[in-house]
PDB file of N, CA and C in Angstrom:
ATOM      1  N   UNK A   1     263.141  22.582-168.003  1.00  0.00           N
ATOM      2  CA  UNK A   1     263.058  23.615-166.871  1.00  0.00           C
ATOM      3  C   UNK A   1     264.269  24.537-166.772  1.00  0.00           C
ATOM      4  N   UNK A   2     264.066  25.800-166.450  1.00  0.00           N
ATOM      5  CA  UNK A   2     265.247  26.599-166.453  1.00  0.00           C
ATOM      6  C   UNK A   2     265.291  27.577-165.163  1.00  0.00           C
ATOM      7  N   UNK A   3     266.444  27.954-164.825  1.00  0.00           N
ATOM      8  CA  UNK A   3     266.626  28.661-163.567  1.00  0.00           C
ATOM      9  C   UNK A   3     267.319  29.989-163.836  1.00  0.00           C
ATOM     10  N   UNK A   4     266.896  31.009-163.338  1.00  0.00           N
ATOM     11  CA  UNK A   4     267.518  32.324-163.312  1.00  0.00           C
ATOM     12  C   UNK A   4     268.112  32.476-161.962  1.00  0.00           C
ATOM     13  N   UNK A   5     269.460  32.797-162.024  1.00  0.00           N
ATOM     14  CA  UNK A   5     270.140  32.847-160.937  1.00  0.00           C
ATOM     15  C   UNK A   5     270.538  34.360-160.658  1.00  0.00           C
ATOM     16  N   UNK A   6     270.301  35.145-159.647  1.00  0.00           N
ATOM     17  CA  UNK A   6     270.561  36.477-159.467  1.00  0.00           C
ATOM     18  C   UNK A   6     271.385  36.615-158.240  1.00  0.00           C
ATOM     19  N   UNK A   7     272.727  37.031-158.383  1.00  0.00           N
ATOM     20  CA  UNK A   7     273.768  37.088-157.353  1.00  0.00           C
ATOM     21  C   UNK A   7     273.852  38.433-157.053  1.00  0.00           C
ATOM     22  N   UNK A   8     273.644  38.944-155.911  1.00  0.00           N
ATOM     23  CA  UNK A   8     273.684  40.347-155.452  1.00  0.00           C
ATOM     24  C   UNK A   8     274.570  40.485-154.212  1.00  0.00           C
ATOM     25  N   UNK A   9     275.452  41.433-154.214  1.00  0.00           N
ATOM     26  CA  UNK A   9     276.203  41.798-153.035  1.00  0.00           C
ATOM     27  C   UNK A   9     275.216  42.652-152.246  1.00  0.00           C
ATOM     28  N   UNK A  10     275.262  42.363-150.793  1.00  0.00           N
ATOM     29  CA  UNK A  10     274.442  43.061-149.818  1.00  0.00           C
ATOM     30  C   UNK A  10     274.956  43.985-149.006  1.00  0.00           C
ATOM     31  N   UNK A  11     274.482  45.098-148.701  1.00  0.00           N
ATOM     32  CA  UNK A  11     274.969  45.929-147.653  1.00  0.00           C
ATOM     33  C   UNK A  11     275.085  45.322-146.365  1.00  0.00           C
ATOM     34  N   UNK A  12     276.009  45.665-145.412  1.00  0.00           N
ATOM     35  CA  UNK A  12     276.161  45.092-144.114  1.00  0.00           C
ATOM     36  C   UNK A  12     274.900  45.236-143.306  1.00  0.00           C
ATOM     37  N   UNK A  13     274.486  44.123-142.606  1.00  0.00           N
ATOM     38  CA  UNK A  13     273.239  44.163-141.755  1.00  0.00           C
ATOM     39  C   UNK A  13     271.933  44.234-142.352  1.00  0.00           C
ATOM     40  N   UNK A  14     271.832  43.791-143.596  1.00  0.00           N
ATOM     41  CA  UNK A  14     270.575  43.899-144.281  1.00  0.00           C
ATOM     42  C   UNK A  14     269.720  42.655-144.584  1.00  0.00           C
ATOM     43  N   UNK A  15     270.206  41.650-143.983  1.00  0.00           N
ATOM     44  CA  UNK A  15     269.764  40.333-144.377  1.00  0.00           C
ATOM     45  C   UNK A  15     268.213  40.223-144.046  1.00  0.00           C
ATOM     46  N   UNK A  16     267.621  40.737-142.869  1.00  0.00           N
ATOM     47  CA  UNK A  16     266.307  40.806-142.555  1.00  0.00           C
ATOM     48  C   UNK A  16     265.581  41.711-143.490  1.00  0.00           C
ATOM     49  N   UNK A  17     266.012  42.840-143.841  1.00  0.00           N
ATOM     50  CA  UNK A  17     265.449  43.808-144.763  1.00  0.00           C
ATOM     51  C   UNK A  17     265.254  43.095-146.180  1.00  0.00           C
ATOM     52  N   UNK A  18     266.403  42.337-146.650  1.00  0.00           N
ATOM     53  CA  UNK A  18     266.327  41.624-147.838  1.00  0.00           C
ATOM     54  C   UNK A  18     265.145  40.579-147.890  1.00  0.00           C
ATOM     55  N   UNK A  19     265.278  39.883-146.819  1.00  0.00           N
ATOM     56  CA  UNK A  19     264.261  38.812-146.662  1.00  0.00           C
ATOM     57  C   UNK A  19     262.718  39.378-146.818  1.00  0.00           C
ATOM     58  N   UNK A  20     262.502  40.534-146.139  1.00  0.00           N
ATOM     59  CA  UNK A  20     261.128  41.149-146.181  1.00  0.00           C
ATOM     60  C   UNK A  20     260.975  41.765-147.544  1.00  0.00           C
ATOM     61  N   UNK A  21     261.787  42.263-148.248  1.00  0.00           N
ATOM     62  CA  UNK A  21     261.635  42.603-149.677  1.00  0.00           C
ATOM     63  C   UNK A  21     261.221  41.421-150.625  1.00  0.00           C
ATOM     64  N   UNK A  22     261.979  40.364-150.411  1.00  0.00           N
ATOM     65  CA  UNK A  22     261.626  39.211-151.144  1.00  0.00           C
ATOM     66  C   UNK A  22     260.254  38.621-150.888  1.00  0.00           C
ATOM     67  N   UNK A  23     260.071  38.763-149.706  1.00  0.00           N
ATOM     68  CA  UNK A  23     258.539  38.215-149.326  1.00  0.00           C
ATOM     69  C   UNK A  23     257.408  38.980-149.697  1.00  0.00           C
ATOM     70  N   UNK A  24     257.516  40.391-149.620  1.00  0.00           N
ATOM     71  CA  UNK A  24     256.617  41.329-149.808  1.00  0.00           C
ATOM     72  C   UNK A  24     256.456  41.963-151.296  1.00  0.00           C
ATOM     73  N   UNK A  25     257.499  41.787-152.071  1.00  0.00           N
ATOM     74  CA  UNK A  25     257.572  42.360-153.337  1.00  0.00           C
ATOM     75  C   UNK A  25     257.953  41.368-154.458  1.00  0.00           C
ATOM     76  N   UNK A  26     258.982  40.668-154.245  1.00  0.00           N
ATOM     77  CA  UNK A  26     259.525  39.737-155.231  1.00  0.00           C
ATOM     78  C   UNK A  26     258.735  38.566-155.554  1.00  0.00           C
ATOM     79  N   UNK A  27     258.296  37.909-154.492  1.00  0.00           N
ATOM     80  CA  UNK A  27     257.672  36.683-154.696  1.00  0.00           C
ATOM     81  C   UNK A  27     256.319  36.974-155.323  1.00  0.00           C
ATOM     82  N   UNK A  28     255.468  37.983-154.834  1.00  0.00           N
ATOM     83  CA  UNK A  28     254.227  38.317-155.428  1.00  0.00           C
ATOM     84  C   UNK A  28     254.362  38.646-156.893  1.00  0.00           C
ATOM     85  N   UNK A  29     255.370  39.356-157.300  1.00  0.00           N
ATOM     86  CA  UNK A  29     255.711  39.825-158.654  1.00  0.00           C
ATOM     87  C   UNK A  29     255.914  38.612-159.524  1.00  0.00           C
ATOM     88  N   UNK A  30     256.777  37.700-159.133  1.00  0.00           N
ATOM     89  CA  UNK A  30     257.187  36.506-159.997  1.00  0.00           C
ATOM     90  C   UNK A  30     255.790  35.639-160.173  1.00  0.00           C
ATOM     91  N   UNK A  31     254.988  35.542-159.072  1.00  0.00           N
ATOM     92  CA  UNK A  31     253.918  34.748-159.201  1.00  0.00           C
ATOM     93  C   UNK A  31     252.919  35.242-160.377  1.00  0.00           C
ATOM     94  N   UNK A  32     253.131  36.469-160.850  1.00  0.00           N
ATOM     95  CA  UNK A  32     252.193  36.920-161.852  1.00  0.00           C
ATOM     96  C   UNK A  32     252.694  36.590-163.190  1.00  0.00           C
ATOM     97  N   UNK A  33     253.838  36.133-163.363  1.00  0.00           N
ATOM     98  CA  UNK A  33     254.456  35.730-164.555  1.00  0.00           C
ATOM     99  C   UNK A  33     254.234  34.439-164.973  1.00  0.00           C
ATOM    100  N   UNK A  34     253.903  34.233-166.313  1.00  0.00           N
ATOM    101  CA  UNK A  34     253.664  33.032-166.821  1.00  0.00           C
ATOM    102  C   UNK A  34     254.958  32.174-166.849  1.00  0.00           C
ATOM    103  N   UNK A  35     254.690  30.749-166.438  1.00  0.00           N
ATOM    104  CA  UNK A  35     255.782  29.881-166.394  1.00  0.00           C
ATOM    105  C   UNK A  35     256.525  29.889-165.182  1.00  0.00           C
ATOM    106  N   UNK A  36     256.218  30.766-164.154  1.00  0.00           N
ATOM    107  CA  UNK A  36     256.975  30.853-162.963  1.00  0.00           C
ATOM    108  C   UNK A  36     256.664  29.581-162.108  1.00  0.00           C
ATOM    109  N   UNK A  37     257.628  28.848-161.531  1.00  0.00           N
ATOM    110  CA  UNK A  37     257.433  27.620-160.714  1.00  0.00           C
ATOM    111  C   UNK A  37     257.808  27.682-159.296  1.00  0.00           C
ATOM    112  N   UNK A  38     258.953  28.369-159.042  1.00  0.00           N
ATOM    113  CA  UNK A  38     259.435  28.401-157.614  1.00  0.00           C
ATOM    114  C   UNK A  38     260.615  29.436-157.419  1.00  0.00           C
ATOM    115  N   UNK A  39     260.804  29.866-156.248  1.00  0.00           N
ATOM    116  CA  UNK A  39     261.902  30.765-155.934  1.00  0.00           C
ATOM    117  C   UNK A  39     262.473  30.364-154.659  1.00  0.00           C
ATOM    118  N   UNK A  40     263.839  30.282-154.749  1.00  0.00           N
ATOM    119  CA  UNK A  40     264.760  29.934-153.439  1.00  0.00           C
ATOM    120  C   UNK A  40     265.664  30.959-153.279  1.00  0.00           C
ATOM    121  N   UNK A  41     265.740  31.673-152.112  1.00  0.00           N
ATOM    122  CA  UNK A  41     266.692  32.676-151.917  1.00  0.00           C
ATOM    123  C   UNK A  41     267.653  32.239-150.938  1.00  0.00           C
ATOM    124  N   UNK A  42     268.943  32.642-150.957  1.00  0.00           N
ATOM    125  CA  UNK A  42     269.959  32.222-150.050  1.00  0.00           C
ATOM    126  C   UNK A  42     270.758  33.414-149.730  1.00  0.00           C
ATOM    127  N   UNK A  43     271.236  33.531-148.502  1.00  0.00           N
ATOM    128  CA  UNK A  43     272.066  34.657-148.084  1.00  0.00           C
ATOM    129  C   UNK A  43     273.278  33.890-147.331  1.00  0.00           C
ATOM    130  N   UNK A  44     274.596  34.241-147.797  1.00  0.00           N
ATOM    131  CA  UNK A  44     275.801  33.678-147.266  1.00  0.00           C
ATOM    132  C   UNK A  44     275.899  33.893-145.714  1.00  0.00           C
ATOM    133  N   UNK A  45     276.620  33.005-145.033  1.00  0.00           N
ATOM    134  CA  UNK A  45     276.461  33.065-143.582  1.00  0.00           C
ATOM    135  C   UNK A  45     277.220  34.553-143.068  1.00  0.00           C
ATOM    136  N   UNK A  46     278.020  35.143-143.863  1.00  0.00           N
ATOM    137  CA  UNK A  46     278.431  36.459-143.429  1.00  0.00           C
ATOM    138  C   UNK A  46     277.550  37.491-143.928  1.00  0.00           C
ATOM    139  N   UNK A  47     276.426  37.250-144.563  1.00  0.00           N
ATOM    140  CA  UNK A  47     275.458  38.283-144.955  1.00  0.00           C
ATOM    141  C   UNK A  47     275.898  39.202-146.037  1.00  0.00           C
ATOM    142  N   UNK A  48     276.973  38.893-146.736  1.00  0.00           N
ATOM    143  CA  UNK A  48     277.553  39.804-147.804  1.00  0.00           C
ATOM    144  C   UNK A  48     276.864  39.568-149.113  1.00  0.00           C
ATOM    145  N   UNK A  49     276.340  38.449-149.404  1.00  0.00           N
ATOM    146  CA  UNK A  49     275.953  38.035-150.696  1.00  0.00           C
ATOM    147  C   UNK A  49     274.430  37.265-150.696  1.00  0.00           C
ATOM    148  N   UNK A  50     273.693  37.635-151.594  1.00  0.00           N
ATOM    149  CA  UNK A  50     272.406  36.927-151.935  1.00  0.00           C
ATOM    150  C   UNK A  50     272.296  36.116-153.219  1.00  0.00           C
ATOM    151  N   UNK A  51     271.542  35.140-153.104  1.00  0.00           N
ATOM    152  CA  UNK A  51     271.470  34.285-154.408  1.00  0.00           C
ATOM    153  C   UNK A  51     269.796  34.133-154.554  1.00  0.00           C
ATOM    154  N   UNK A  52     269.372  34.588-155.527  1.00  0.00           N
ATOM    155  CA  UNK A  52     267.835  34.262-155.943  1.00  0.00           C
ATOM    156  C   UNK A  52     267.925  33.373-156.963  1.00  0.00           C
ATOM    157  N   UNK A  53     267.290  32.155-156.817  1.00  0.00           N
ATOM    158  CA  UNK A  53     267.298  31.151-157.852  1.00  0.00           C
ATOM    159  C   UNK A  53     265.752  30.916-158.211  1.00  0.00           C
ATOM    160  N   UNK A  54     265.361  31.428-159.334  1.00  0.00           N
ATOM    161  CA  UNK A  54     263.860  31.234-159.728  1.00  0.00           C
ATOM    162  C   UNK A  54     263.846  30.192-160.781  1.00  0.00           C
ATOM    163  N   UNK A  55     262.845  29.337-160.732  1.00  0.00           N
ATOM    164  CA  UNK A  55     262.567  28.243-161.655  1.00  0.00           C
ATOM    165  C   UNK A  55     261.398  28.707-162.665  1.00  0.00           C
ATOM    166  N   UNK A  56     261.732  28.238-163.878  1.00  0.00           N
ATOM    167  CA  UNK A  56     260.761  28.576-165.045  1.00  0.00           C
ATOM    168  C   UNK A  56     260.552  27.226-165.764  1.00  0.00           C
ATOM    169  N   UNK A  57     259.320  27.318-166.335  1.00  0.00           N
ATOM    170  CA  UNK A  57     258.864  26.040-167.143  1.00  0.00           C
ATOM    171  C   UNK A  57     259.584  26.051-168.610  1.00  0.00           C
ATOM    172  N   UNK A  58     260.078  27.239-169.091  1.00  0.00           N
ATOM    173  CA  UNK A  58     260.750  27.275-170.275  1.00  0.00           C
ATOM    174  C   UNK A  58     261.688  28.397-170.273  1.00  0.00           C
ATOM    175  N   UNK A  59     262.599  28.314-171.165  1.00  0.00           N
ATOM    176  CA  UNK A  59     263.657  29.407-171.462  1.00  0.00           C
ATOM    177  C   UNK A  59     263.032  30.714-171.809  1.00  0.00           C
ATOM    178  N   UNK A  60     261.994  30.488-172.676  1.00  0.00           N
ATOM    179  CA  UNK A  60     261.322  31.731-173.212  1.00  0.00           C
ATOM    180  C   UNK A  60     260.576  32.536-172.059  1.00  0.00           C
ATOM    181  N   UNK A  61     259.968  31.717-171.148  1.00  0.00           N
ATOM    182  CA  UNK A  61     259.303  32.492-170.029  1.00  0.00           C
ATOM    183  C   UNK A  61     260.247  33.176-168.946  1.00  0.00           C
ATOM    184  N   UNK A  62     261.359  32.538-168.789  1.00  0.00           N
ATOM    185  CA  UNK A  62     262.505  32.997-167.937  1.00  0.00           C
ATOM    186  C   UNK A  62     263.071  34.236-168.504  1.00  0.00           C
ATOM    187  N   UNK A  63     263.396  34.300-169.845  1.00  0.00           N
ATOM    188  CA  UNK A  63     263.813  35.357-170.541  1.00  0.00           C
ATOM    189  C   UNK A  63     262.864  36.539-170.622  1.00  0.00           C
ATOM    190  N   UNK A  64     261.456  36.238-170.697  1.00  0.00           N
ATOM    191  CA  UNK A  64     260.479  37.331-170.826  1.00  0.00           C
ATOM    192  C   UNK A  64     260.372  38.042-169.431  1.00  0.00           C
ATOM    193  N   UNK A  65     260.510  37.221-168.414  1.00  0.00           N
ATOM    194  CA  UNK A  65     260.558  37.854-166.982  1.00  0.00           C
ATOM    195  C   UNK A  65     261.680  38.766-166.891  1.00  0.00           C
ATOM    196  N   UNK A  66     262.883  38.292-167.355  1.00  0.00           N
ATOM    197  CA  UNK A  66     264.146  39.019-167.370  1.00  0.00           C
ATOM    198  C   UNK A  66     264.002  40.430-167.965  1.00  0.00           C
ATOM    199  N   UNK A  67     263.445  40.418-169.204  1.00  0.00           N
ATOM    200  CA  UNK A  67     263.201  41.606-169.955  1.00  0.00           C
ATOM    201  C   UNK A  67     262.166  42.622-169.333  1.00  0.00           C
ATOM    202  N   UNK A  68     261.017  42.086-168.757  1.00  0.00           N
ATOM    203  CA  UNK A  68     260.032  42.836-168.312  1.00  0.00           C
ATOM    204  C   UNK A  68     259.870  43.225-166.891  1.00  0.00           C
ATOM    205  N   UNK A  69     260.553  42.645-166.010  1.00  0.00           N
ATOM    206  CA  UNK A  69     260.454  42.764-164.562  1.00  0.00           C
ATOM    207  C   UNK A  69     261.573  42.758-163.651  1.00  0.00           C
ATOM    208  N   UNK A  70     262.819  42.263-164.215  1.00  0.00           N
ATOM    209  CA  UNK A  70     264.018  42.304-163.325  1.00  0.00           C
ATOM    210  C   UNK A  70     264.369  43.538-162.826  1.00  0.00           C
ATOM    211  N   UNK A  71     264.169  44.578-163.782  1.00  0.00           N
ATOM    212  CA  UNK A  71     264.617  45.956-163.339  1.00  0.00           C
ATOM    213  C   UNK A  71     263.726  46.351-162.087  1.00  0.00           C
ATOM    214  N   UNK A  72     262.446  45.949-162.107  1.00  0.00           N
ATOM    215  CA  UNK A  72     261.517  46.297-161.030  1.00  0.00           C
ATOM    216  C   UNK A  72     261.952  45.639-159.635  1.00  0.00           C
ATOM    217  N   UNK A  73     262.639  44.473-159.902  1.00  0.00           N
ATOM    218  CA  UNK A  73     263.070  43.701-158.652  1.00  0.00           C
ATOM    219  C   UNK A  73     264.286  44.360-158.136  1.00  0.00           C
ATOM    220  N   UNK A  74     265.191  44.684-158.981  1.00  0.00           N
ATOM    221  CA  UNK A  74     266.379  45.489-158.560  1.00  0.00           C
ATOM    222  C   UNK A  74     266.165  46.708-158.113  1.00  0.00           C
ATOM    223  N   UNK A  75     265.156  47.521-158.421  1.00  0.00           N
ATOM    224  CA  UNK A  75     264.731  48.647-157.784  1.00  0.00           C
ATOM    225  C   UNK A  75     264.236  48.482-156.485  1.00  0.00           C
ATOM    226  N   UNK A  76     263.457  47.396-156.293  1.00  0.00           N
ATOM    227  CA  UNK A  76     262.911  47.065-154.950  1.00  0.00           C
ATOM    228  C   UNK A  76     264.011  46.868-153.941  1.00  0.00           C
ATOM    229  N   UNK A  77     265.136  46.200-154.482  1.00  0.00           N
ATOM    230  CA  UNK A  77     266.197  45.721-153.661  1.00  0.00           C
ATOM    231  C   UNK A  77     267.429  46.808-153.317  1.00  0.00           C
ATOM    232  N   UNK A  78     267.079  48.110-154.035  1.00  0.00           N
ATOM    233  CA  UNK A  78     268.114  49.023-153.927  1.00  0.00           C
ATOM    234  C   UNK A  78     268.476  49.413-152.351  1.00  0.00           C
ATOM    235  N   UNK A  79     267.669  49.401-151.457  1.00  0.00           N
ATOM    236  CA  UNK A  79     267.997  49.720-150.103  1.00  0.00           C
ATOM    237  C   UNK A  79     269.010  48.767-149.469  1.00  0.00           C
ATOM    238  N   UNK A  80     269.036  47.734-150.040  1.00  0.00           N
ATOM    239  CA  UNK A  80     269.978  46.467-149.405  1.00  0.00           C
ATOM    240  C   UNK A  80     271.109  46.216-150.278  1.00  0.00           C
ATOM    241  N   UNK A  81     271.057  46.529-151.508  1.00  0.00           N
ATOM    242  CA  UNK A  81     272.141  46.123-152.494  1.00  0.00           C
ATOM    243  C   UNK A  81     273.385  46.992-152.272  1.00  0.00           C
ATOM    244  N   UNK A  82     274.544  46.381-152.323  1.00  0.00           N
ATOM    245  CA  UNK A  82     275.764  47.082-152.251  1.00  0.00           C
ATOM    246  C   UNK A  82     276.539  47.217-153.541  1.00  0.00           C
ATOM    247  N   UNK A  83     275.887  46.656-154.666  1.00  0.00           N
ATOM    248  CA  UNK A  83     276.704  46.810-155.986  1.00  0.00           C
ATOM    249  C   UNK A  83     275.796  46.112-156.973  1.00  0.00           C
ATOM    250  N   UNK A  84     276.303  45.940-158.229  1.00  0.00           N
ATOM    251  CA  UNK A  84     275.597  45.464-159.376  1.00  0.00           C
ATOM    252  C   UNK A  84     275.252  43.994-159.174  1.00  0.00           C
ATOM    253  N   UNK A  85     274.178  43.564-159.552  1.00  0.00           N
ATOM    254  CA  UNK A  85     273.649  42.021-159.636  1.00  0.00           C
ATOM    255  C   UNK A  85     274.370  41.301-160.821  1.00  0.00           C
ATOM    256  N   UNK A  86     274.559  40.123-160.718  1.00  0.00           N
ATOM    257  CA  UNK A  86     274.974  39.306-161.826  1.00  0.00           C
ATOM    258  C   UNK A  86     273.770  38.347-162.009  1.00  0.00           C
ATOM    259  N   UNK A  87     273.358  38.200-163.313  1.00  0.00           N
ATOM    260  CA  UNK A  87     272.162  37.397-163.685  1.00  0.00           C
ATOM    261  C   UNK A  87     272.671  36.400-164.712  1.00  0.00           C
ATOM    262  N   UNK A  88     272.280  35.151-164.418  1.00  0.00           N
ATOM    263  CA  UNK A  88     272.620  33.934-165.247  1.00  0.00           C
ATOM    264  C   UNK A  88     271.403  33.063-165.494  1.00  0.00           C
ATOM    265  N   UNK A  89     271.177  32.633-166.728  1.00  0.00           N
ATOM    266  CA  UNK A  89     270.121  31.646-167.030  1.00  0.00           C
ATOM    267  C   UNK A  89     270.677  30.350-167.311  1.00  0.00           C
ATOM    268  N   UNK A  90     270.194  29.339-166.657  1.00  0.00           N
ATOM    269  CA  UNK A  90     270.784  27.951-166.658  1.00  0.00           C
ATOM    270  C   UNK A  90     269.681  27.012-166.977  1.00  0.00           C
ATOM    271  N   UNK A  91     269.992  25.945-167.733  1.00  0.00           N
ATOM    272  CA  UNK A  91     269.114  24.801-167.822  1.00  0.00           C
ATOM    273  C   UNK A  91     269.169  24.029-166.574  1.00  0.00           C
ATOM    274  N   UNK A  92     268.220  23.603-165.977  1.00  0.00           N
ATOM    275  CA  UNK A  92     268.088  22.669-164.843  1.00  0.00           C
ATOM    276  C   UNK A  92     268.253  21.189-165.383  1.00  0.00           C
ATOM    277  N   UNK A  93     269.371  20.461-165.015  1.00  0.00           N
ATOM    278  CA  UNK A  93     269.611  19.152-165.451  1.00  0.00           C
ATOM    279  C   UNK A  93     269.369  18.203-164.296  1.00  0.00           C
ATOM    280  N   UNK A  94     269.379  18.535-163.070  1.00  0.00           N
ATOM    281  CA  UNK A  94     268.899  17.622-161.996  1.00  0.00           C
ATOM    282  C   UNK A  94     268.318  18.335-160.785  1.00  0.00           C
ATOM    283  N   UNK A  95     267.131  17.765-160.302  1.00  0.00           N
ATOM    284  CA  UNK A  95     266.501  18.250-159.149  1.00  0.00           C
ATOM    285  C   UNK A  95     265.698  17.265-158.436  1.00  0.00           C
ATOM    286  N   UNK A  96     265.948  17.136-157.211  1.00  0.00           N
ATOM    287  CA  UNK A  96     265.171  16.060-156.362  1.00  0.00           C
ATOM    288  C   UNK A  96     263.716  16.665-156.133  1.00  0.00           C
ATOM    289  N   UNK A  97     263.857  18.020-155.966  1.00  0.00           N
ATOM    290  CA  UNK A  97     262.433  18.653-155.584  1.00  0.00           C
ATOM    291  C   UNK A  97     261.547  18.737-156.674  1.00  0.00           C
ATOM    292  N   UNK A  98     262.191  18.848-157.932  1.00  0.00           N
ATOM    293  CA  UNK A  98     261.252  19.079-158.994  1.00  0.00           C
ATOM    294  C   UNK A  98     261.297  17.725-159.979  1.00  0.00           C
ATOM    295  N   UNK A  99     261.769  16.726-159.263  1.00  0.00           N
ATOM    296  CA  UNK A  99     261.847  15.402-159.875  1.00  0.00           C
ATOM    297  C   UNK A  99     262.401  15.411-161.405  1.00  0.00           C
ATOM    298  N   UNK A 100     263.579  16.015-161.419  1.00  0.00           N
ATOM    299  CA  UNK A 100     264.276  15.920-162.841  1.00  0.00           C
ATOM    300  C   UNK A 100     265.540  15.192-162.587  1.00  0.00           C
ATOM    301  N   UNK A 101     265.730  14.235-163.439  1.00  0.00           N
ATOM    302  CA  UNK A 101     266.920  13.405-163.564  1.00  0.00           C
ATOM    303  C   UNK A 101     267.805  13.579-164.723  1.00  0.00           C
ATOM    304  N   UNK A 102     268.911  13.410-164.678  1.00  0.00           N
ATOM    305  CA  UNK A 102     269.748  13.399-165.876  1.00  0.00           C
ATOM    306  C   UNK A 102     269.459  12.318-166.857  1.00  0.00           C
ATOM    307  N   UNK A 103     269.524  12.594-168.131  1.00  0.00           N
ATOM    308  CA  UNK A 103     269.147  11.633-169.160  1.00  0.00           C
ATOM    309  C   UNK A 103     270.160  10.594-169.192  1.00  0.00           C
ATOM    310  N   UNK A 104     269.683   9.338-169.158  1.00  0.00           N
ATOM    311  CA  UNK A 104     270.683   8.220-169.158  1.00  0.00           C
ATOM    312  C   UNK A 104     270.572   7.519-170.513  1.00  0.00           C
ATOM    313  N   UNK A 105     271.582   7.410-171.180  1.00  0.00           N
ATOM    314  CA  UNK A 105     271.827   6.540-172.410  1.00  0.00           C
ATOM    315  C   UNK A 105     271.257   5.262-172.226  1.00  0.00           C
ATOM    316  N   UNK A 106     270.379   4.756-173.248  1.00  0.00           N
ATOM    317  CA  UNK A 106     269.674   3.491-173.226  1.00  0.00           C
ATOM    318  C   UNK A 106     270.705   2.444-173.573  1.00  0.00           C
TER     319      UNK A 106
END
């Protein structure tokens, strides 16, 4: 399993608008892509930064989404974004929600 982490600076006072864009645009868009498993969005307590963590069944599907639709997501977020986003792709090594445990040497 792979996770795409998108870190975005937010304009002051846009937490609710960010949440609405995620709910109405980003989640439906991700659901149309092969291999999409889950999305978790976080906003720092001061409301200045958001983190979108999407989970994918394979690196290839995560990368395909990044190539085909990430620009559409960033366009939808334009009204709330205060600067460029940082995108990282990571392999998921542990997850209680997705029942992934670290490999243990036998």
